[in-house]
Amino acid sequence: MVVVTEQSMRAVLVTGASTGIGAATVAELVSRGFRVWAGVRGEDAAARLADEHGDSVRVLRLDVTDAAAVAAAGEQVTAAGPLHGLVNNAGVALPGPLEFLPVAAVREQLEVNLLGQLAVTQAMLPALRAAAGRIVMVGSIGGRIAAPMLGAYHASKFGLVGLTDTLRAELAPWHIRVILIEPGAIATPIWSRGAANADQLEGQLPAKARDLYAGQIAQARKNATRSARNGLPPAAVAAVVARALTTPRPRPRYLVGRDAQVASVIARLPYRLRYRLTAARG
């Protein structure tokens, strides 16, 4: 028997819901009685979520970089009633040395990880304002501290910090809370997809790039493999997202994972010391 509570009448939209943190967040919110809009790009993911969660989930075919799709999603969600939460989770990692990384790859990462988050937020704000809802941005500890080979990813996540802080300030008069989640390494498909993207991008790099950055590329691959193997499960982040959506007085930021805690300390060190610790080794 399903117990009907006040939360069962509340709706939350989760983007990037097909795998990883997004899928875990959908499952966590459904278990707490929320009605969930799950934004996905592919038909397979849409069918799987519908099979797993039934009527508790309404699947939206949503590419956050497609202006028409975002606008249509905004109209559909707003027509259904107040939105009590938006979880901006969609993201991608396209690694490579900034000296040679194609600008198109950088632009794609900014479109998905940063501009897409703003576009979805803009589209959902009428429904959020009707409920004095909350916006949860799934950022990264990579928005506080940068490392080699992930420059475009870091640029997007540093940008998301500024976007989140500004939205928090601007939306305060309507009591719309804006919360940033900053996970460390999480065992999600982003690492395997990142490796595949790295293979594709590396094939486009000139021989000089491979010669100059071979050591850094190899180290970045090792780091990604270690994160995929040892990272926290996505459910750990999903639990924090749910807390941010439900606690009476949410914190502006939540770190997730011991590595994120350590990195946050490094991020507060004097600049010269921080740069020595994060610099690539020759």
C-alpha atoms as a PDB file:
ATOM      1  CA  MET A   1       0.000   0.000   0.000  1.00  0.00           C
ATOM      2  CA  VAL A   2       1.315   3.457  -0.941  1.00  0.00           C
ATOM      3  CA  VAL A   3       1.153   5.962   1.901  1.00  0.00           C
ATOM      4  CA  VAL A   4      -0.056   9.342   0.631  1.00  0.00           C
ATOM      5  CA  THR A   5       1.823  12.232   2.237  1.00  0.00           C
ATOM      6  CA  GLU A   6       2.277  15.908   1.521  1.00  0.00           C
ATOM      7  CA  GLN A   7       5.445  15.019  -0.413  1.00  0.00           C
ATOM      8  CA  SER A   8       3.480  12.708  -2.726  1.00  0.00           C
ATOM      9  CA  MET A   9       1.801  15.813  -4.123  1.00  0.00           C
ATOM     10  CA  ARG A  10       5.113  17.506  -4.853  1.00  0.00           C
ATOM     11  CA  ALA A  11       6.780  17.419  -8.250  1.00  0.00           C
ATOM     12  CA  VAL A  12      10.510  17.580  -8.989  1.00  0.00           C
ATOM     13  CA  LEU A  13      12.274  17.680 -12.352  1.00  0.00           C
ATOM     14  CA  VAL A  14      15.624  15.894 -12.693  1.00  0.00           C
ATOM     15  CA  THR A  15      17.736  16.424 -15.819  1.00  0.00           C
ATOM     16  CA  GLY A  16      20.303  13.910 -17.022  1.00  0.00           C
ATOM     17  CA  ALA A  17      18.169  11.194 -15.430  1.00  0.00           C
ATOM     18  CA  SER A  18      19.179   8.261 -17.623  1.00  0.00           C
ATOM     19  CA  THR A  19      22.215   7.056 -15.633  1.00  0.00           C
ATOM     20  CA  GLY A  20      24.482   7.793 -12.684  1.00  0.00           C
ATOM     21  CA  ILE A  21      23.539  10.553 -10.269  1.00  0.00           C
ATOM     22  CA  GLY A  22      20.403  11.465 -12.219  1.00  0.00           C
ATOM     23  CA  ALA A  23      18.960   7.939 -12.219  1.00  0.00           C
ATOM     24  CA  ALA A  24      19.843   7.494  -8.544  1.00  0.00           C
ATOM     25  CA  THR A  25      18.159  10.801  -7.701  1.00  0.00           C
ATOM     26  CA  VAL A  26      14.981   9.772  -9.496  1.00  0.00           C
ATOM     27  CA  ALA A  27      14.912   6.513  -7.500  1.00  0.00           C
ATOM     28  CA  GLU A  28      15.590   8.320  -4.213  1.00  0.00           C
ATOM     29  CA  LEU A  29      12.844  10.882  -4.773  1.00  0.00           C
ATOM     30  CA  VAL A  30      10.313   8.265  -5.842  1.00  0.00           C
ATOM     31  CA  SER A  31      11.086   6.311  -2.668  1.00  0.00           C
ATOM     32  CA  ARG A  32      10.240   9.462  -0.685  1.00  0.00           C
ATOM     33  CA  GLY A  33       6.867   9.874  -2.375  1.00  0.00           C
ATOM     34  CA  PHE A  34       7.650  12.628  -4.863  1.00  0.00           C
ATOM     35  CA  ARG A  35       6.239  12.794  -8.362  1.00  0.00           C
ATOM     36  CA  VAL A  36       9.267  13.043 -10.649  1.00  0.00           C
ATOM     37  CA  TRP A  37       9.752  14.464 -14.088  1.00  0.00           C
ATOM     38  CA  ALA A  38      12.788  12.657 -15.524  1.00  0.00           C
ATOM     39  CA  GLY A  39      14.620  14.429 -18.337  1.00  0.00           C
ATOM     40  CA  VAL A  40      16.446  12.064 -20.720  1.00  0.00           C
ATOM     41  CA  ARG A  41      17.665  12.196 -24.296  1.00  0.00           C
ATOM     42  CA  GLY A  42      17.283   8.575 -25.471  1.00  0.00           C
ATOM     43  CA  GLU A  43      14.273   6.327 -26.008  1.00  0.00           C
ATOM     44  CA  ASP A  44      15.912   3.389 -24.217  1.00  0.00           C
ATOM     45  CA  ALA A  45      16.399   5.411 -21.036  1.00  0.00           C
ATOM     46  CA  ALA A  46      12.837   6.698 -21.232  1.00  0.00           C
ATOM     47  CA  ALA A  47      11.432   3.178 -21.508  1.00  0.00           C
ATOM     48  CA  ARG A  48      13.620   1.859 -18.685  1.00  0.00           C
ATOM     49  CA  LEU A  49      12.620   4.615 -16.260  1.00  0.00           C
ATOM     50  CA  ALA A  50       8.953   4.100 -17.084  1.00  0.00           C
ATOM     51  CA  ASP A  51       9.295   0.358 -16.436  1.00  0.00           C
ATOM     52  CA  GLU A  52      11.182   0.875 -13.164  1.00  0.00           C
ATOM     53  CA  HIS A  53       8.980   3.547 -11.607  1.00  0.00           C
ATOM     54  CA  GLY A  54       5.608   3.381 -13.322  1.00  0.00           C
ATOM     55  CA  ASP A  55       3.245   6.271 -12.732  1.00  0.00           C
ATOM     56  CA  SER A  56       5.572   7.895 -10.175  1.00  0.00           C
ATOM     57  CA  VAL A  57       7.741   9.166 -13.027  1.00  0.00           C
ATOM     58  CA  ARG A  58       6.837  11.173 -16.100  1.00  0.00           C
ATOM     59  CA  VAL A  59       9.606  10.995 -18.659  1.00  0.00           C
ATOM     60  CA  LEU A  60      10.555  14.065 -20.681  1.00  0.00           C
ATOM     61  CA  ARG A  61      12.641  13.740 -23.834  1.00  0.00           C
ATOM     62  CA  LEU A  62      14.954  16.626 -23.014  1.00  0.00           C
ATOM     63  CA  ASP A  63      18.257  17.656 -24.544  1.00  0.00           C
ATOM     64  CA  VAL A  64      19.326  20.661 -22.471  1.00  0.00           C
ATOM     65  CA  THR A  65      21.137  22.146 -25.492  1.00  0.00           C
ATOM     66  CA  ASP A  66      17.992  22.067 -27.673  1.00  0.00           C
ATOM     67  CA  ALA A  67      16.170  25.359 -27.170  1.00  0.00           C
ATOM     68  CA  ALA A  68      12.908  24.073 -28.650  1.00  0.00           C
ATOM     69  CA  ALA A  69      12.949  20.951 -26.461  1.00  0.00           C
ATOM     70  CA  VAL A  70      13.672  23.001 -23.337  1.00  0.00           C
ATOM     71  CA  ALA A  71      10.851  25.431 -24.117  1.00  0.00           C
ATOM     72  CA  ALA A  72       8.411  22.587 -24.767  1.00  0.00           C
ATOM     73  CA  ALA A  73       9.408  20.911 -21.492  1.00  0.00           C
ATOM     74  CA  GLY A  74       8.883  24.161 -19.631  1.00  0.00           C
ATOM     75  CA  GLU A  75       5.390  24.547 -21.062  1.00  0.00           C
ATOM     76  CA  GLN A  76       4.475  20.937 -20.248  1.00  0.00           C
ATOM     77  CA  VAL A  77       5.733  21.081 -16.670  1.00  0.00           C
ATOM     78  CA  THR A  78       4.173  24.484 -15.983  1.00  0.00           C
ATOM     79  CA  ALA A  79       0.804  23.348 -17.345  1.00  0.00           C
ATOM     80  CA  ALA A  80       0.861  20.390 -14.932  1.00  0.00           C
ATOM     81  CA  GLY A  81       1.075  22.633 -11.870  1.00  0.00           C
ATOM     82  CA  PRO A  82       3.610  24.019  -9.370  1.00  0.00           C
ATOM     83  CA  LEU A  83       7.139  22.586  -9.423  1.00  0.00           C
ATOM     84  CA  HIS A  84       8.663  22.098  -5.994  1.00  0.00           C
ATOM     85  CA  GLY A  85      12.168  21.234  -7.151  1.00  0.00           C
ATOM     86  CA  LEU A  86      14.518  21.369 -10.119  1.00  0.00           C
ATOM     87  CA  VAL A  87      17.661  19.232 -10.091  1.00  0.00           C
ATOM     88  CA  ASN A  88      20.045  20.402 -12.810  1.00  0.00           C
ATOM     89  CA  ASN A  89      22.221  17.330 -13.214  1.00  0.00           C
ATOM     90  CA  ALA A  90      22.945  16.885 -16.936  1.00  0.00           C
ATOM     91  CA  GLY A  91      26.677  16.962 -17.643  1.00  0.00           C
ATOM     92  CA  VAL A  92      29.510  15.765 -19.834  1.00  0.00           C
ATOM     93  CA  ALA A  93      33.317  15.569 -19.618  1.00  0.00           C
ATOM     94  CA  LEU A  94      35.489  16.105 -22.699  1.00  0.00           C
ATOM     95  CA  PRO A  95      39.144  15.859 -21.618  1.00  0.00           C
ATOM     96  CA  GLY A  96      42.241  17.053 -23.417  1.00  0.00           C
ATOM     97  CA  PRO A  97      45.014  19.663 -23.282  1.00  0.00           C
ATOM     98  CA  LEU A  98      43.623  23.169 -23.683  1.00  0.00           C
ATOM     99  CA  GLU A  99      46.453  24.118 -26.018  1.00  0.00           C
ATOM    100  CA  PHE A 100      45.075  21.736 -28.644  1.00  0.00           C
ATOM    101  CA  LEU A 101      41.518  20.956 -27.551  1.00  0.00           C
ATOM    102  CA  PRO A 102      39.138  21.833 -30.408  1.00  0.00           C
ATOM    103  CA  VAL A 103      37.108  24.908 -29.559  1.00  0.00           C
ATOM    104  CA  ALA A 104      34.005  22.995 -30.672  1.00  0.00           C
ATOM    105  CA  ALA A 105      34.637  20.480 -27.866  1.00  0.00           C
ATOM    106  CA  VAL A 106      34.987  23.297 -25.331  1.00  0.00           C
ATOM    107  CA  ARG A 107      31.818  24.916 -26.631  1.00  0.00           C
ATOM    108  CA  GLU A 108      29.885  21.632 -26.361  1.00  0.00           C
ATOM    109  CA  GLN A 109      30.936  21.217 -22.751  1.00  0.00           C
ATOM    110  CA  LEU A 110      29.886  24.758 -21.855  1.00  0.00           C
ATOM    111  CA  GLU A 111      26.574  24.282 -23.663  1.00  0.00           C
ATOM    112  CA  VAL A 112      25.721  21.139 -21.695  1.00  0.00           C
ATOM    113  CA  ASN A 113      27.238  21.850 -18.279  1.00  0.00           C
ATOM    114  CA  LEU A 114      26.567  25.566 -17.965  1.00  0.00           C
ATOM    115  CA  LEU A 115      24.284  27.161 -20.543  1.00  0.00           C
ATOM    116  CA  GLY A 116      21.953  24.168 -20.571  1.00  0.00           C
ATOM    117  CA  GLN A 117      21.490  24.503 -16.810  1.00  0.00           C
ATOM    118  CA  LEU A 118      20.503  28.148 -17.216  1.00  0.00           C
ATOM    119  CA  ALA A 119      18.145  27.409 -20.109  1.00  0.00           C
ATOM    120  CA  VAL A 120      16.288  24.733 -18.142  1.00  0.00           C
ATOM    121  CA  THR A 121      16.127  26.981 -15.068  1.00  0.00           C
ATOM    122  CA  GLN A 122      14.658  29.834 -17.113  1.00  0.00           C
ATOM    123  CA  ALA A 123      12.028  27.522 -18.583  1.00  0.00           C
ATOM    124  CA  MET A 124      11.015  26.102 -15.201  1.00  0.00           C
ATOM    125  CA  LEU A 125      10.990  29.291 -13.132  1.00  0.00           C
ATOM    126  CA  PRO A 126       7.292  30.070 -13.632  1.00  0.00           C
ATOM    127  CA  ALA A 127       6.392  26.663 -12.172  1.00  0.00           C
ATOM    128  CA  LEU A 128       9.024  26.991  -9.443  1.00  0.00           C
ATOM    129  CA  ARG A 129       7.843  30.469  -8.466  1.00  0.00           C
ATOM    130  CA  ALA A 130       4.281  29.132  -8.085  1.00  0.00           C
ATOM    131  CA  ALA A 131       5.538  26.731  -5.396  1.00  0.00           C
ATOM    132  CA  ALA A 132       8.412  28.772  -3.912  1.00  0.00           C
ATOM    133  CA  GLY A 133      10.398  25.740  -5.031  1.00  0.00           C
ATOM    134  CA  ARG A 134      14.078  24.897  -4.849  1.00  0.00           C
ATOM    135  CA  ILE A 135      16.799  24.625  -7.459  1.00  0.00           C
ATOM    136  CA  VAL A 136      19.590  22.128  -6.907  1.00  0.00           C
ATOM    137  CA  MET A 137      22.656  22.437  -9.125  1.00  0.00           C
ATOM    138  CA  VAL A 138      24.827  19.331  -9.334  1.00  0.00           C
ATOM    139  CA  GLY A 139      28.265  20.849  -9.665  1.00  0.00           C
ATOM    140  CA  SER A 140      31.617  19.345  -8.727  1.00  0.00           C
ATOM    141  CA  ILE A 141      34.591  19.894  -6.479  1.00  0.00           C
ATOM    142  CA  GLY A 142      36.080  20.658  -9.900  1.00  0.00           C
ATOM    143  CA  GLY A 143      34.341  24.003  -9.546  1.00  0.00           C
ATOM    144  CA  ARG A 144      36.754  24.941  -6.730  1.00  0.00           C
ATOM    145  CA  ILE A 145      40.049  23.446  -7.855  1.00  0.00           C
ATOM    146  CA  ALA A 146      41.410  22.681 -11.324  1.00  0.00           C
ATOM    147  CA  ALA A 147      43.675  19.913 -12.597  1.00  0.00           C
ATOM    148  CA  PRO A 148      45.368  19.141 -15.931  1.00  0.00           C
ATOM    149  CA  MET A 149      43.454  17.738 -18.916  1.00  0.00           C
ATOM    150  CA  LEU A 150      40.002  18.755 -17.689  1.00  0.00           C
ATOM    151  CA  GLY A 151      40.178  22.461 -18.458  1.00  0.00           C
ATOM    152  CA  ALA A 152      36.877  22.702 -20.328  1.00  0.00           C
ATOM    153  CA  TYR A 153      35.091  20.726 -17.612  1.00  0.00           C
ATOM    154  CA  HIS A 154      36.563  22.948 -14.899  1.00  0.00           C
ATOM    155  CA  ALA A 155      35.595  26.087 -16.830  1.00  0.00           C
ATOM    156  CA  SER A 156      32.006  24.883 -16.950  1.00  0.00           C
ATOM    157  CA  LYS A 157      31.912  23.955 -13.259  1.00  0.00           C
ATOM    158  CA  PHE A 158      33.600  27.174 -12.102  1.00  0.00           C
ATOM    159  CA  GLY A 159      31.032  28.986 -14.228  1.00  0.00           C
ATOM    160  CA  LEU A 160      28.232  27.012 -12.587  1.00  0.00           C
ATOM    161  CA  VAL A 161      29.349  28.339  -9.199  1.00  0.00           C
ATOM    162  CA  GLY A 162      28.888  31.919 -10.400  1.00  0.00           C
ATOM    163  CA  LEU A 163      25.584  31.054 -12.060  1.00  0.00           C
ATOM    164  CA  THR A 164      24.311  29.413  -8.874  1.00  0.00           C
ATOM    165  CA  ASP A 165      25.393  32.247  -6.600  1.00  0.00           C
ATOM    166  CA  THR A 166      23.772  34.864  -8.830  1.00  0.00           C
ATOM    167  CA  LEU A 167      20.507  32.930  -9.100  1.00  0.00           C
ATOM    168  CA  ARG A 168      20.482  32.534  -5.319  1.00  0.00           C
ATOM    169  CA  ALA A 169      20.789  36.305  -4.910  1.00  0.00           C
ATOM    170  CA  GLU A 170      18.278  37.231  -7.607  1.00  0.00           C
ATOM    171  CA  LEU A 171      15.586  34.735  -6.611  1.00  0.00           C
ATOM    172  CA  ALA A 172      15.702  35.474  -2.877  1.00  0.00           C
ATOM    173  CA  PRO A 173      12.651  37.802  -2.977  1.00  0.00           C
ATOM    174  CA  TRP A 174      10.492  34.825  -4.046  1.00  0.00           C
ATOM    175  CA  HIS A 175      11.992  32.501  -1.409  1.00  0.00           C
ATOM    176  CA  ILE A 176      13.365  30.182  -4.087  1.00  0.00           C
ATOM    177  CA  ARG A 177      16.373  28.439  -2.544  1.00  0.00           C
ATOM    178  CA  VAL A 178      19.283  27.679  -4.896  1.00  0.00           C
ATOM    179  CA  ILE A 179      21.677  24.989  -3.654  1.00  0.00           C
ATOM    180  CA  LEU A 180      24.977  23.738  -5.067  1.00  0.00           C
ATOM    181  CA  ILE A 181      26.048  20.099  -4.637  1.00  0.00           C
ATOM    182  CA  GLU A 182      29.806  19.553  -4.990  1.00  0.00           C
ATOM    183  CA  PRO A 183      30.661  15.851  -5.279  1.00  0.00           C
ATOM    184  CA  GLY A 184      34.135  14.413  -5.463  1.00  0.00           C
ATOM    185  CA  ALA A 185      34.747  11.178  -7.374  1.00  0.00           C
ATOM    186  CA  ILE A 186      31.502   9.293  -7.972  1.00  0.00           C
ATOM    187  CA  ALA A 187      31.376   5.911  -9.719  1.00  0.00           C
ATOM    188  CA  THR A 188      29.208   6.880 -12.685  1.00  0.00           C
ATOM    189  CA  PRO A 189      29.317   6.293 -16.467  1.00  0.00           C
ATOM    190  CA  ILE A 190      30.776   9.792 -16.930  1.00  0.00           C
ATOM    191  CA  TRP A 191      34.221   8.213 -16.504  1.00  0.00           C
ATOM    192  CA  SER A 192      33.748   5.561 -19.193  1.00  0.00           C
ATOM    193  CA  ARG A 193      32.126   8.105 -21.481  1.00  0.00           C
ATOM    194  CA  GLY A 194      34.970  10.491 -20.706  1.00  0.00           C
ATOM    195  CA  ALA A 195      37.491   7.812 -21.679  1.00  0.00           C
ATOM    196  CA  ALA A 196      35.640   7.227 -24.937  1.00  0.00           C
ATOM    197  CA  ASN A 197      35.543  10.962 -25.590  1.00  0.00           C
ATOM    198  CA  ALA A 198      39.255  11.155 -24.798  1.00  0.00           C
ATOM    199  CA  ASP A 199      39.985   8.415 -27.328  1.00  0.00           C
ATOM    200  CA  GLN A 200      38.016  10.251 -29.981  1.00  0.00           C
ATOM    201  CA  LEU A 201      39.555  13.637 -29.225  1.00  0.00           C
ATOM    202  CA  GLU A 202      43.060  12.223 -28.950  1.00  0.00           C
ATOM    203  CA  GLY A 203      42.697  10.881 -32.461  1.00  0.00           C
ATOM    204  CA  GLN A 204      42.054  14.439 -33.644  1.00  0.00           C
ATOM    205  CA  LEU A 205      45.118  15.890 -31.925  1.00  0.00           C
ATOM    206  CA  PRO A 206      48.270  16.586 -33.928  1.00  0.00           C
ATOM    207  CA  ALA A 207      51.296  14.404 -33.269  1.00  0.00           C
ATOM    208  CA  LYS A 208      52.950  17.328 -31.487  1.00  0.00           C
ATOM    209  CA  ALA A 209      50.158  17.406 -28.916  1.00  0.00           C
ATOM    210  CA  ARG A 210      50.534  13.718 -28.172  1.00  0.00           C
ATOM    211  CA  ASP A 211      54.287  14.142 -27.792  1.00  0.00           C
ATOM    212  CA  LEU A 212      54.042  17.157 -25.492  1.00  0.00           C
ATOM    213  CA  TYR A 213      51.212  15.904 -23.294  1.00  0.00           C
ATOM    214  CA  ALA A 214      51.642  12.111 -23.349  1.00  0.00           C
ATOM    215  CA  GLY A 215      52.487  11.947 -19.651  1.00  0.00           C
ATOM    216  CA  GLN A 216      49.584  14.148 -18.573  1.00  0.00           C
ATOM    217  CA  ILE A 217      47.137  12.250 -20.774  1.00  0.00           C
ATOM    218  CA  ALA A 218      48.277   8.939 -19.295  1.00  0.00           C
ATOM    219  CA  GLN A 219      47.945  10.261 -15.745  1.00  0.00           C
ATOM    220  CA  ALA A 220      44.472  11.631 -16.461  1.00  0.00           C
ATOM    221  CA  ARG A 221      43.409   8.203 -17.716  1.00  0.00           C
ATOM    222  CA  LYS A 222      44.730   6.575 -14.538  1.00  0.00           C
ATOM    223  CA  ASN A 223      42.860   9.088 -12.416  1.00  0.00           C
ATOM    224  CA  ALA A 224      39.623   8.420 -14.316  1.00  0.00           C
ATOM    225  CA  THR A 225      40.022   4.654 -13.915  1.00  0.00           C
ATOM    226  CA  ARG A 226      40.655   5.074 -10.186  1.00  0.00           C
ATOM    227  CA  SER A 227      37.605   7.326  -9.796  1.00  0.00           C
ATOM    228  CA  ALA A 228      35.393   4.839 -11.632  1.00  0.00           C
ATOM    229  CA  ARG A 229      36.656   2.036  -9.397  1.00  0.00           C
ATOM    230  CA  ASN A 230      36.827   3.775  -6.014  1.00  0.00           C
ATOM    231  CA  GLY A 231      34.306   6.596  -6.275  1.00  0.00           C
ATOM    232  CA  LEU A 232      31.238   6.789  -4.064  1.00  0.00           C
ATOM    233  CA  PRO A 233      28.036   5.261  -5.450  1.00  0.00           C
ATOM    234  CA  PRO A 234      25.643   7.706  -7.143  1.00  0.00           C
ATOM    235  CA  ALA A 235      23.122   7.016  -4.379  1.00  0.00           C
ATOM    236  CA  ALA A 236      25.373   8.947  -1.976  1.00  0.00           C
ATOM    237  CA  VAL A 237      24.849  12.107  -4.023  1.00  0.00           C
ATOM    238  CA  ALA A 238      21.149  11.358  -4.512  1.00  0.00           C
ATOM    239  CA  ALA A 239      20.663  11.260  -0.749  1.00  0.00           C
ATOM    240  CA  VAL A 240      22.261  14.701  -0.416  1.00  0.00           C
ATOM    241  CA  VAL A 241      20.115  16.073  -3.237  1.00  0.00           C
ATOM    242  CA  ALA A 242      17.006  14.793  -1.483  1.00  0.00           C
ATOM    243  CA  ARG A 243      18.163  16.404   1.767  1.00  0.00           C
ATOM    244  CA  ALA A 244      18.691  19.726  -0.020  1.00  0.00           C
ATOM    245  CA  LEU A 245      15.152  19.521  -1.391  1.00  0.00           C
ATOM    246  CA  THR A 246      13.468  18.614   1.893  1.00  0.00           C
ATOM    247  CA  THR A 247      15.349  20.041   4.860  1.00  0.00           C
ATOM    248  CA  PRO A 248      13.671  23.191   6.243  1.00  0.00           C
ATOM    249  CA  ARG A 249      16.852  25.276   6.030  1.00  0.00           C
ATOM    250  CA  PRO A 250      19.185  23.881   3.367  1.00  0.00           C
ATOM    251  CA  ARG A 251      22.816  24.909   3.266  1.00  0.00           C
ATOM    252  CA  PRO A 252      23.890  26.910   0.186  1.00  0.00           C
ATOM    253  CA  ARG A 253      26.501  24.223  -0.624  1.00  0.00           C
ATOM    254  CA  TYR A 254      27.001  20.547   0.144  1.00  0.00           C
ATOM    255  CA  LEU A 255      30.290  18.713  -0.332  1.00  0.00           C
ATOM    256  CA  VAL A 256      29.969  14.985  -1.027  1.00  0.00           C
ATOM    257  CA  GLY A 257      32.859  12.610  -0.365  1.00  0.00           C
ATOM    258  CA  ARG A 258      36.067  12.656   1.614  1.00  0.00           C
ATOM    259  CA  ASP A 259      38.089  13.603  -1.472  1.00  0.00           C
ATOM    260  CA  ALA A 260      35.840  16.627  -1.970  1.00  0.00           C
ATOM    261  CA  GLN A 261      36.447  17.641   1.640  1.00  0.00           C
ATOM    262  CA  VAL A 262      40.219  17.359   1.175  1.00  0.00           C
ATOM    263  CA  ALA A 263      40.139  19.245  -2.125  1.00  0.00           C
ATOM    264  CA  SER A 264      38.095  22.023  -0.536  1.00  0.00           C
ATOM    265  CA  VAL A 265      40.894  22.507   2.000  1.00  0.00           C
ATOM    266  CA  ILE A 266      43.500  22.626  -0.781  1.00  0.00           C
ATOM    267  CA  ALA A 267      41.344  25.181  -2.594  1.00  0.00           C
ATOM    268  CA  ARG A 268      41.699  27.533   0.399  1.00  0.00           C
ATOM    269  CA  LEU A 269      45.495  27.349   0.499  1.00  0.00           C
ATOM    270  CA  PRO A 270      47.616  30.319  -0.623  1.00  0.00           C
ATOM    271  CA  TYR A 271      47.637  30.465  -4.399  1.00  0.00           C
ATOM    272  CA  ARG A 272      51.307  29.648  -4.916  1.00  0.00           C
ATOM    273  CA  LEU A 273      51.123  26.557  -2.729  1.00  0.00           C
ATOM    274  CA  ARG A 274      47.871  25.430  -4.349  1.00  0.00           C
ATOM    275  CA  TYR A 275      49.347  25.803  -7.823  1.00  0.00           C
ATOM    276  CA  ARG A 276      52.420  23.786  -6.871  1.00  0.00           C
ATOM    277  CA  LEU A 277      50.211  20.984  -5.572  1.00  0.00           C
ATOM    278  CA  THR A 278      48.019  20.855  -8.679  1.00  0.00           C
ATOM    279  CA  ALA A 279      50.645  21.442 -11.377  1.00  0.00           C
ATOM    280  CA  ALA A 280      51.488  18.654 -13.799  1.00  0.00           C
ATOM    281  CA  ARG A 281      54.846  17.010 -13.305  1.00  0.00           C
ATOM    282  CA  GLY A 282      57.347  17.180 -16.140  1.00  0.00           C
END
